[in-house]
Amino acid sequence: LHERAADRVVKRAARRVGLSSDVSAHWLRHAFA
């Protein structure tokens, strides 16, 4: 899976629930920690 495709998955999931367009995979890493 290419990173850009993975990033699109994260951003679409965030947008779907009304979150900021700035949300990225790294935000999930922050959330995990």
PDB file of all heavy atoms in Angstrom:
ATOM      1  N   LEU A   1       0.848  -1.190   0.000  1.00  0.00           N
ATOM      2  CA  LEU A   1       0.000   0.000   0.000  1.00  0.00           C
ATOM      3  C   LEU A   1       0.883   1.240   0.000  1.00  0.00           C
ATOM      4  O   LEU A   1       1.816   1.344   0.809  1.00  0.00           O
ATOM      5  CB  LEU A   1      -0.884  -0.015   1.247  1.00  0.00           C
ATOM      6  CG  LEU A   1      -1.817   1.173   1.486  1.00  0.00           C
ATOM      7  CD1 LEU A   1      -2.866   1.248   0.384  1.00  0.00           C
ATOM      8  CD2 LEU A   1      -2.482   1.036   2.847  1.00  0.00           C
ATOM      9  N   HIS A   2       0.631   2.161  -0.894  1.00  0.00           N
ATOM     10  CA  HIS A   2       1.445   3.369  -0.941  1.00  0.00           C
ATOM     11  C   HIS A   2       1.022   4.333   0.162  1.00  0.00           C
ATOM     12  O   HIS A   2      -0.152   4.397   0.541  1.00  0.00           O
ATOM     13  CB  HIS A   2       1.329   4.060  -2.303  1.00  0.00           C
ATOM     14  CG  HIS A   2       2.386   5.095  -2.514  1.00  0.00           C
ATOM     15  ND1 HIS A   2       2.218   6.403  -2.137  1.00  0.00           N
ATOM     16  CD2 HIS A   2       3.646   5.006  -3.017  1.00  0.00           C
ATOM     17  CE1 HIS A   2       3.317   7.080  -2.415  1.00  0.00           C
ATOM     18  NE2 HIS A   2       4.202   6.258  -2.941  1.00  0.00           N
ATOM     19  N   GLU A   3       1.986   5.076   0.679  1.00  0.00           N
ATOM     20  CA  GLU A   3       1.725   5.984   1.792  1.00  0.00           C
ATOM     21  C   GLU A   3       0.686   7.044   1.450  1.00  0.00           C
ATOM     22  O   GLU A   3      -0.127   7.427   2.302  1.00  0.00           O
ATOM     23  CB  GLU A   3       3.026   6.651   2.253  1.00  0.00           C
ATOM     24  CG  GLU A   3       3.995   5.678   2.911  1.00  0.00           C
ATOM     25  CD  GLU A   3       5.358   6.291   3.155  1.00  0.00           C
ATOM     26  OE1 GLU A   3       5.401   7.513   3.441  1.00  0.00           O
ATOM     27  OE2 GLU A   3       6.368   5.579   3.048  1.00  0.00           O
ATOM     28  N   ARG A   4       0.708   7.551   0.233  1.00  0.00           N
ATOM     29  CA  ARG A   4      -0.270   8.578  -0.144  1.00  0.00           C
ATOM     30  C   ARG A   4      -1.685   8.007  -0.127  1.00  0.00           C
ATOM     31  O   ARG A   4      -2.637   8.691   0.254  1.00  0.00           O
ATOM     32  CB  ARG A   4       0.068   9.162  -1.512  1.00  0.00           C
ATOM     33  CG  ARG A   4       1.281  10.086  -1.503  1.00  0.00           C
ATOM     34  CD  ARG A   4       1.299  10.970  -2.741  1.00  0.00           C
ATOM     35  NE  ARG A   4       1.492  10.196  -3.958  1.00  0.00           N
ATOM     36  CZ  ARG A   4       2.683   9.896  -4.471  1.00  0.00           C
ATOM     37  NH1 ARG A   4       3.783  10.281  -3.858  1.00  0.00           N
ATOM     38  NH2 ARG A   4       2.780   9.211  -5.600  1.00  0.00           N
ATOM     39  N   ALA A   5      -1.816   6.744  -0.557  1.00  0.00           N
ATOM     40  CA  ALA A   5      -3.121   6.097  -0.526  1.00  0.00           C
ATOM     41  C   ALA A   5      -3.578   5.890   0.919  1.00  0.00           C
ATOM     42  O   ALA A   5      -4.753   6.099   1.250  1.00  0.00           O
ATOM     43  CB  ALA A   5      -3.060   4.758  -1.259  1.00  0.00           C
ATOM     44  N   ALA A   6      -2.646   5.494   1.774  1.00  0.00           N
ATOM     45  CA  ALA A   6      -2.975   5.300   3.191  1.00  0.00           C
ATOM     46  C   ALA A   6      -3.377   6.619   3.833  1.00  0.00           C
ATOM     47  O   ALA A   6      -4.324   6.676   4.635  1.00  0.00           O
ATOM     48  CB  ALA A   6      -1.778   4.690   3.918  1.00  0.00           C
ATOM     49  N   ASP A   7      -2.684   7.679   3.483  1.00  0.00           N
ATOM     50  CA  ASP A   7      -3.015   8.992   4.036  1.00  0.00           C
ATOM     51  C   ASP A   7      -4.412   9.422   3.609  1.00  0.00           C
ATOM     52  O   ASP A   7      -5.162  10.013   4.393  1.00  0.00           O
ATOM     53  CB  ASP A   7      -1.974  10.018   3.570  1.00  0.00           C
ATOM     54  CG  ASP A   7      -2.199  11.390   4.186  1.00  0.00           C
ATOM     55  OD1 ASP A   7      -2.118  11.501   5.424  1.00  0.00           O
ATOM     56  OD2 ASP A   7      -2.472  12.351   3.445  1.00  0.00           O
ATOM     57  N   ARG A   8      -4.785   9.106   2.375  1.00  0.00           N
ATOM     58  CA  ARG A   8      -6.134   9.453   1.902  1.00  0.00           C
ATOM     59  C   ARG A   8      -7.200   8.708   2.707  1.00  0.00           C
ATOM     60  O   ARG A   8      -8.271   9.258   2.993  1.00  0.00           O
ATOM     61  CB  ARG A   8      -6.272   9.136   0.409  1.00  0.00           C
ATOM     62  CG  ARG A   8      -5.539  10.104  -0.507  1.00  0.00           C
ATOM     63  CD  ARG A   8      -6.030   9.978  -1.943  1.00  0.00           C
ATOM     64  NE  ARG A   8      -5.731   8.673  -2.507  1.00  0.00           N
ATOM     65  CZ  ARG A   8      -4.598   8.363  -3.156  1.00  0.00           C
ATOM     66  NH1 ARG A   8      -3.659   9.279  -3.294  1.00  0.00           N
ATOM     67  NH2 ARG A   8      -4.421   7.164  -3.656  1.00  0.00           N
ATOM     68  N   VAL A   9      -6.897   7.465   3.066  1.00  0.00           N
ATOM     69  CA  VAL A   9      -7.853   6.689   3.866  1.00  0.00           C
ATOM     70  C   VAL A   9      -8.099   7.380   5.201  1.00  0.00           C
ATOM     71  O   VAL A   9      -9.247   7.521   5.650  1.00  0.00           O
ATOM     72  CB  VAL A   9      -7.326   5.258   4.096  1.00  0.00           C
ATOM     73  CG1 VAL A   9      -8.191   4.520   5.118  1.00  0.00           C
ATOM     74  CG2 VAL A   9      -7.300   4.477   2.788  1.00  0.00           C
ATOM     75  N   VAL A  10      -7.019   7.832   5.839  1.00  0.00           N
ATOM     76  CA  VAL A  10      -7.136   8.490   7.140  1.00  0.00           C
ATOM     77  C   VAL A  10      -7.923   9.797   7.007  1.00  0.00           C
ATOM     78  O   VAL A  10      -8.829  10.084   7.796  1.00  0.00           O
ATOM     79  CB  VAL A  10      -5.751   8.759   7.746  1.00  0.00           C
ATOM     80  CG1 VAL A  10      -5.871   9.547   9.049  1.00  0.00           C
ATOM     81  CG2 VAL A  10      -5.018   7.442   7.994  1.00  0.00           C
ATOM     82  N   LYS A  11      -7.576  10.596   6.013  1.00  0.00           N
ATOM     83  CA  LYS A  11      -8.227  11.892   5.848  1.00  0.00           C
ATOM     84  C   LYS A  11      -9.713  11.747   5.516  1.00  0.00           C
ATOM     85  O   LYS A  11     -10.549  12.529   5.987  1.00  0.00           O
ATOM     86  CB  LYS A  11      -7.501  12.709   4.780  1.00  0.00           C
ATOM     87  CG  LYS A  11      -6.130  13.205   5.239  1.00  0.00           C
ATOM     88  CD  LYS A  11      -5.528  14.199   4.279  1.00  0.00           C
ATOM     89  CE  LYS A  11      -4.212  14.746   4.793  1.00  0.00           C
ATOM     90  NZ  LYS A  11      -4.343  15.429   6.099  1.00  0.00           N
ATOM     91  N   ARG A  12     -10.031  10.741   4.703  1.00  0.00           N
ATOM     92  CA  ARG A  12     -11.448  10.524   4.380  1.00  0.00           C
ATOM     93  C   ARG A  12     -12.220  10.077   5.612  1.00  0.00           C
ATOM     94  O   ARG A  12     -13.363  10.498   5.826  1.00  0.00           O
ATOM     95  CB  ARG A  12     -11.565   9.476   3.276  1.00  0.00           C
ATOM     96  CG  ARG A  12     -11.165   9.996   1.897  1.00  0.00           C
ATOM     97  CD  ARG A  12     -11.069   8.862   0.899  1.00  0.00           C
ATOM     98  NE  ARG A  12     -10.622   9.323  -0.419  1.00  0.00           N
ATOM     99  CZ  ARG A  12     -10.193   8.520  -1.382  1.00  0.00           C
ATOM    100  NH1 ARG A  12     -10.155   7.207  -1.176  1.00  0.00           N
ATOM    101  NH2 ARG A  12      -9.803   9.009  -2.532  1.00  0.00           N
ATOM    102  N   ALA A  13     -11.601   9.232   6.420  1.00  0.00           N
ATOM    103  CA  ALA A  13     -12.254   8.769   7.646  1.00  0.00           C
ATOM    104  C   ALA A  13     -12.493   9.932   8.603  1.00  0.00           C
ATOM    105  O   ALA A  13     -13.540  10.005   9.261  1.00  0.00           O
ATOM    106  CB  ALA A  13     -11.401   7.698   8.317  1.00  0.00           C
ATOM    107  N   ALA A  14     -11.520  10.843   8.663  1.00  0.00           N
ATOM    108  CA  ALA A  14     -11.664  12.017   9.529  1.00  0.00           C
ATOM    109  C   ALA A  14     -12.740  12.959   8.995  1.00  0.00           C
ATOM    110  O   ALA A  14     -13.595  13.449   9.752  1.00  0.00           O
ATOM    111  CB  ALA A  14     -10.328  12.747   9.636  1.00  0.00           C
ATOM    112  N   ARG A  15     -12.710  13.196   7.704  1.00  0.00           N
ATOM    113  CA  ARG A  15     -13.688  14.103   7.090  1.00  0.00           C
ATOM    114  C   ARG A  15     -15.108  13.550   7.230  1.00  0.00           C
ATOM    115  O   ARG A  15     -16.066  14.309   7.428  1.00  0.00           O
ATOM    116  CB  ARG A  15     -13.331  14.303   5.618  1.00  0.00           C
ATOM    117  CG  ARG A  15     -14.174  15.351   4.906  1.00  0.00           C
ATOM    118  CD  ARG A  15     -13.606  15.717   3.551  1.00  0.00           C
ATOM    119  NE  ARG A  15     -13.525  14.571   2.657  1.00  0.00           N
ATOM    120  CZ  ARG A  15     -12.380  14.036   2.219  1.00  0.00           C
ATOM    121  NH1 ARG A  15     -11.216  14.520   2.622  1.00  0.00           N
ATOM    122  NH2 ARG A  15     -12.392  13.008   1.392  1.00  0.00           N
ATOM    123  N   ARG A  16     -15.227  12.245   7.157  1.00  0.00           N
ATOM    124  CA  ARG A  16     -16.532  11.595   7.240  1.00  0.00           C
ATOM    125  C   ARG A  16     -17.242  11.891   8.561  1.00  0.00           C
ATOM    126  O   ARG A  16     -18.476  11.939   8.617  1.00  0.00           O
ATOM    127  CB  ARG A  16     -16.346  10.088   7.063  1.00  0.00           C
ATOM    128  CG  ARG A  16     -17.608   9.296   6.817  1.00  0.00           C
ATOM    129  CD  ARG A  16     -17.283   7.823   6.635  1.00  0.00           C
ATOM    130  NE  ARG A  16     -16.517   7.581   5.418  1.00  0.00           N
ATOM    131  CZ  ARG A  16     -15.322   6.989   5.370  1.00  0.00           C
ATOM    132  NH1 ARG A  16     -14.738   6.572   6.481  1.00  0.00           N
ATOM    133  NH2 ARG A  16     -14.703   6.812   4.216  1.00  0.00           N
ATOM    134  N   VAL A  17     -16.451  12.097   9.624  1.00  0.00           N
ATOM    135  CA  VAL A  17     -17.054  12.355  10.948  1.00  0.00           C
ATOM    136  C   VAL A  17     -16.872  13.808  11.385  1.00  0.00           C
ATOM    137  O   VAL A  17     -17.001  14.143  12.560  1.00  0.00           O
ATOM    138  CB  VAL A  17     -16.470  11.390  12.013  1.00  0.00           C
ATOM    139  CG1 VAL A  17     -16.865   9.963  11.680  1.00  0.00           C
ATOM    140  CG2 VAL A  17     -14.959  11.522  12.134  1.00  0.00           C
ATOM    141  N   GLY A  18     -16.554  14.678  10.409  1.00  0.00           N
ATOM    142  CA  GLY A  18     -16.511  16.106  10.684  1.00  0.00           C
ATOM    143  C   GLY A  18     -15.254  16.615  11.350  1.00  0.00           C
ATOM    144  O   GLY A  18     -15.263  17.710  11.939  1.00  0.00           O
ATOM    145  N   LEU A  19     -14.139  15.869  11.247  1.00  0.00           N
ATOM    146  CA  LEU A  19     -12.888  16.317  11.848  1.00  0.00           C
ATOM    147  C   LEU A  19     -12.089  17.173  10.874  1.00  0.00           C
ATOM    148  O   LEU A  19     -12.362  17.198   9.673  1.00  0.00           O
ATOM    149  CB  LEU A  19     -12.054  15.109  12.295  1.00  0.00           C
ATOM    150  CG  LEU A  19     -12.674  14.258  13.410  1.00  0.00           C
ATOM    151  CD1 LEU A  19     -11.808  13.041  13.705  1.00  0.00           C
ATOM    152  CD2 LEU A  19     -12.885  15.080  14.670  1.00  0.00           C
ATOM    153  N   SER A  20     -11.091  17.853  11.390  1.00  0.00           N
ATOM    154  CA  SER A  20     -10.264  18.767  10.608  1.00  0.00           C
ATOM    155  C   SER A  20      -9.563  18.055   9.448  1.00  0.00           C
ATOM    156  O   SER A  20      -9.176  16.887   9.559  1.00  0.00           O
ATOM    157  CB  SER A  20      -9.216  19.410  11.521  1.00  0.00           C
ATOM    158  OG  SER A  20      -8.208  20.060  10.768  1.00  0.00           O
ATOM    159  N   SER A  21      -9.380  18.785   8.365  1.00  0.00           N
ATOM    160  CA  SER A  21      -8.647  18.246   7.217  1.00  0.00           C
ATOM    161  C   SER A  21      -7.172  18.069   7.519  1.00  0.00           C
ATOM    162  O   SER A  21      -6.439  17.451   6.747  1.00  0.00           O
ATOM    163  CB  SER A  21      -8.813  19.184   6.011  1.00  0.00           C
ATOM    164  OG  SER A  21      -8.297  20.478   6.317  1.00  0.00           O
ATOM    165  N   ASP A  22      -6.724  18.618   8.652  1.00  0.00           N
ATOM    166  CA  ASP A  22      -5.327  18.458   9.054  1.00  0.00           C
ATOM    167  C   ASP A  22      -5.043  17.078   9.636  1.00  0.00           C
ATOM    168  O   ASP A  22      -3.875  16.690   9.771  1.00  0.00           O
ATOM    169  CB  ASP A  22      -4.948  19.509  10.106  1.00  0.00           C
ATOM    170  CG  ASP A  22      -4.936  20.921   9.547  1.00  0.00           C
ATOM    171  OD1 ASP A  22      -4.702  21.065   8.330  1.00  0.00           O
ATOM    172  OD2 ASP A  22      -5.182  21.868  10.309  1.00  0.00           O
ATOM    173  N   VAL A  23      -6.084  16.346  10.001  1.00  0.00           N
ATOM    174  CA  VAL A  23      -5.886  15.026  10.614  1.00  0.00           C
ATOM    175  C   VAL A  23      -5.115  14.126   9.648  1.00  0.00           C
ATOM    176  O   VAL A  23      -5.418  14.041   8.460  1.00  0.00           O
ATOM    177  CB  VAL A  23      -7.242  14.379  10.974  1.00  0.00           C
ATOM    178  CG1 VAL A  23      -7.039  12.930  11.424  1.00  0.00           C
ATOM    179  CG2 VAL A  23      -7.929  15.181  12.067  1.00  0.00           C
ATOM    180  N   SER A  24      -4.094  13.457  10.176  1.00  0.00           N
ATOM    181  CA  SER A  24      -3.264  12.562   9.378  1.00  0.00           C
ATOM    182  C   SER A  24      -3.007  11.291  10.173  1.00  0.00           C
ATOM    183  O   SER A  24      -3.429  11.157  11.334  1.00  0.00           O
ATOM    184  CB  SER A  24      -1.933  13.236   9.039  1.00  0.00           C
ATOM    185  OG  SER A  24      -1.143  13.385  10.219  1.00  0.00           O
ATOM    186  N   ALA A  25      -2.287  10.357   9.563  1.00  0.00           N
ATOM    187  CA  ALA A  25      -1.942   9.111  10.247  1.00  0.00           C
ATOM    188  C   ALA A  25      -1.145   9.389  11.520  1.00  0.00           C
ATOM    189  O   ALA A  25      -1.261   8.655  12.503  1.00  0.00           O
ATOM    190  CB  ALA A  25      -1.153   8.207   9.310  1.00  0.00           C
ATOM    191  N   HIS A  26      -0.346  10.442  11.512  1.00  0.00           N
ATOM    192  CA  HIS A  26       0.467  10.738  12.679  1.00  0.00           C
ATOM    193  C   HIS A  26      -0.399  11.152  13.869  1.00  0.00           C
ATOM    194  O   HIS A  26       0.001  10.969  15.022  1.00  0.00           O
ATOM    195  CB  HIS A  26       1.493  11.833  12.356  1.00  0.00           C
ATOM    196  CG  HIS A  26       2.820  11.596  12.998  1.00  0.00           C
ATOM    197  ND1 HIS A  26       3.676  10.593  12.593  1.00  0.00           N
ATOM    198  CD2 HIS A  26       3.428  12.204  14.043  1.00  0.00           C
ATOM    199  CE1 HIS A  26       4.767  10.610  13.352  1.00  0.00           C
ATOM    200  NE2 HIS A  26       4.635  11.577  14.245  1.00  0.00           N
ATOM    201  N   TRP A  27      -1.572  11.683  13.595  1.00  0.00           N
ATOM    202  CA  TRP A  27      -2.493  12.021  14.685  1.00  0.00           C
ATOM    203  C   TRP A  27      -2.954  10.747  15.397  1.00  0.00           C
ATOM    204  O   TRP A  27      -3.185  10.752  16.609  1.00  0.00           O
ATOM    205  CB  TRP A  27      -3.698  12.785  14.157  1.00  0.00           C
ATOM    206  CG  TRP A  27      -3.415  14.202  13.739  1.00  0.00           C
ATOM    207  CD1 TRP A  27      -2.360  14.648  13.003  1.00  0.00           C
ATOM    208  CD2 TRP A  27      -4.219  15.355  14.016  1.00  0.00           C
ATOM    209  NE1 TRP A  27      -2.451  16.003  12.803  1.00  0.00           N
ATOM    210  CE2 TRP A  27      -3.591  16.462  13.414  1.00  0.00           C
ATOM    211  CE3 TRP A  27      -5.416  15.547  14.706  1.00  0.00           C
ATOM    212  CZ2 TRP A  27      -4.109  17.750  13.478  1.00  0.00           C
ATOM    213  CZ3 TRP A  27      -5.947  16.833  14.771  1.00  0.00           C
ATOM    214  CH2 TRP A  27      -5.293  17.926  14.176  1.00  0.00           C
ATOM    215  N   LEU A  28      -3.096   9.658  14.640  1.00  0.00           N
ATOM    216  CA  LEU A  28      -3.461   8.384  15.258  1.00  0.00           C
ATOM    217  C   LEU A  28      -2.318   7.855  16.111  1.00  0.00           C
ATOM    218  O   LEU A  28      -2.547   7.227  17.151  1.00  0.00           O
ATOM    219  CB  LEU A  28      -3.856   7.368  14.181  1.00  0.00           C
ATOM    220  CG  LEU A  28      -5.135   7.686  13.404  1.00  0.00           C
ATOM    221  CD1 LEU A  28      -5.365   6.650  12.303  1.00  0.00           C
ATOM    222  CD2 LEU A  28      -6.346   7.749  14.333  1.00  0.00           C
ATOM    223  N   ARG A  29      -1.094   8.109  15.695  1.00  0.00           N
ATOM    224  CA  ARG A  29       0.081   7.741  16.495  1.00  0.00           C
ATOM    225  C   ARG A  29       0.086   8.535  17.804  1.00  0.00           C
ATOM    226  O   ARG A  29       0.338   7.986  18.878  1.00  0.00           O
ATOM    227  CB  ARG A  29       1.342   7.997  15.674  1.00  0.00           C
ATOM    228  CG  ARG A  29       2.671   7.728  16.393  1.00  0.00           C
ATOM    229  CD  ARG A  29       3.811   7.893  15.385  1.00  0.00           C
ATOM    230  NE  ARG A  29       5.116   8.020  16.000  1.00  0.00           N
ATOM    231  CZ  ARG A  29       5.900   6.996  16.334  1.00  0.00           C
ATOM    232  NH1 ARG A  29       5.469   5.752  16.144  1.00  0.00           N
ATOM    233  NH2 ARG A  29       7.077   7.194  16.868  1.00  0.00           N
ATOM    234  N   HIS A  30      -0.189   9.824  17.697  1.00  0.00           N
ATOM    235  CA  HIS A  30      -0.296  10.651  18.904  1.00  0.00           C
ATOM    236  C   HIS A  30      -1.398  10.120  19.821  1.00  0.00           C
ATOM    237  O   HIS A  30      -1.228  10.060  21.048  1.00  0.00           O
ATOM    238  CB  HIS A  30      -0.625  12.103  18.537  1.00  0.00           C
ATOM    239  CG  HIS A  30       0.459  12.815  17.800  1.00  0.00           C
ATOM    240  ND1 HIS A  30       1.796  12.636  18.059  1.00  0.00           N
ATOM    241  CD2 HIS A  30       0.393  13.755  16.809  1.00  0.00           C
ATOM    242  CE1 HIS A  30       2.505  13.419  17.260  1.00  0.00           C
ATOM    243  NE2 HIS A  30       1.682  14.100  16.499  1.00  0.00           N
ATOM    244  N   ALA A  31      -2.536   9.759  19.224  1.00  0.00           N
ATOM    245  CA  ALA A  31      -3.663   9.272  20.012  1.00  0.00           C
ATOM    246  C   ALA A  31      -3.291   7.976  20.722  1.00  0.00           C
ATOM    247  O   ALA A  31      -3.630   7.779  21.900  1.00  0.00           O
ATOM    248  CB  ALA A  31      -4.885   9.058  19.113  1.00  0.00           C
ATOM    249  N   PHE A  32      -2.601   7.083  20.011  1.00  0.00           N
ATOM    250  CA  PHE A  32      -2.163   5.830  20.633  1.00  0.00           C
ATOM    251  C   PHE A  32      -1.332   6.109  21.876  1.00  0.00           C
ATOM    252  O   PHE A  32      -1.572   5.544  22.952  1.00  0.00           O
ATOM    253  CB  PHE A  32      -1.338   5.019  19.628  1.00  0.00           C
ATOM    254  CG  PHE A  32      -0.584   3.870  20.247  1.00  0.00           C
ATOM    255  CD1 PHE A  32      -1.196   2.636  20.424  1.00  0.00           C
ATOM    256  CD2 PHE A  32       0.737   4.016  20.661  1.00  0.00           C
ATOM    257  CE1 PHE A  32      -0.508   1.571  21.004  1.00  0.00           C
ATOM    258  CE2 PHE A  32       1.425   2.968  21.244  1.00  0.00           C
ATOM    259  CZ  PHE A  32       0.800   1.738  21.417  1.00  0.00           C
ATOM    260  N   ALA A  33      -0.334   6.989  21.750  1.00  0.00           N
ATOM    261  CA  ALA A  33       0.556   7.291  22.871  1.00  0.00           C
ATOM    262  C   ALA A  33      -0.220   7.879  24.041  1.00  0.00           C
ATOM    263  O   ALA A  33      -0.084   7.445  25.197  1.00  0.00           O
ATOM    264  CB  ALA A  33       1.649   8.260  22.426  1.00  0.00           C
TER     265      ALA A  33
END
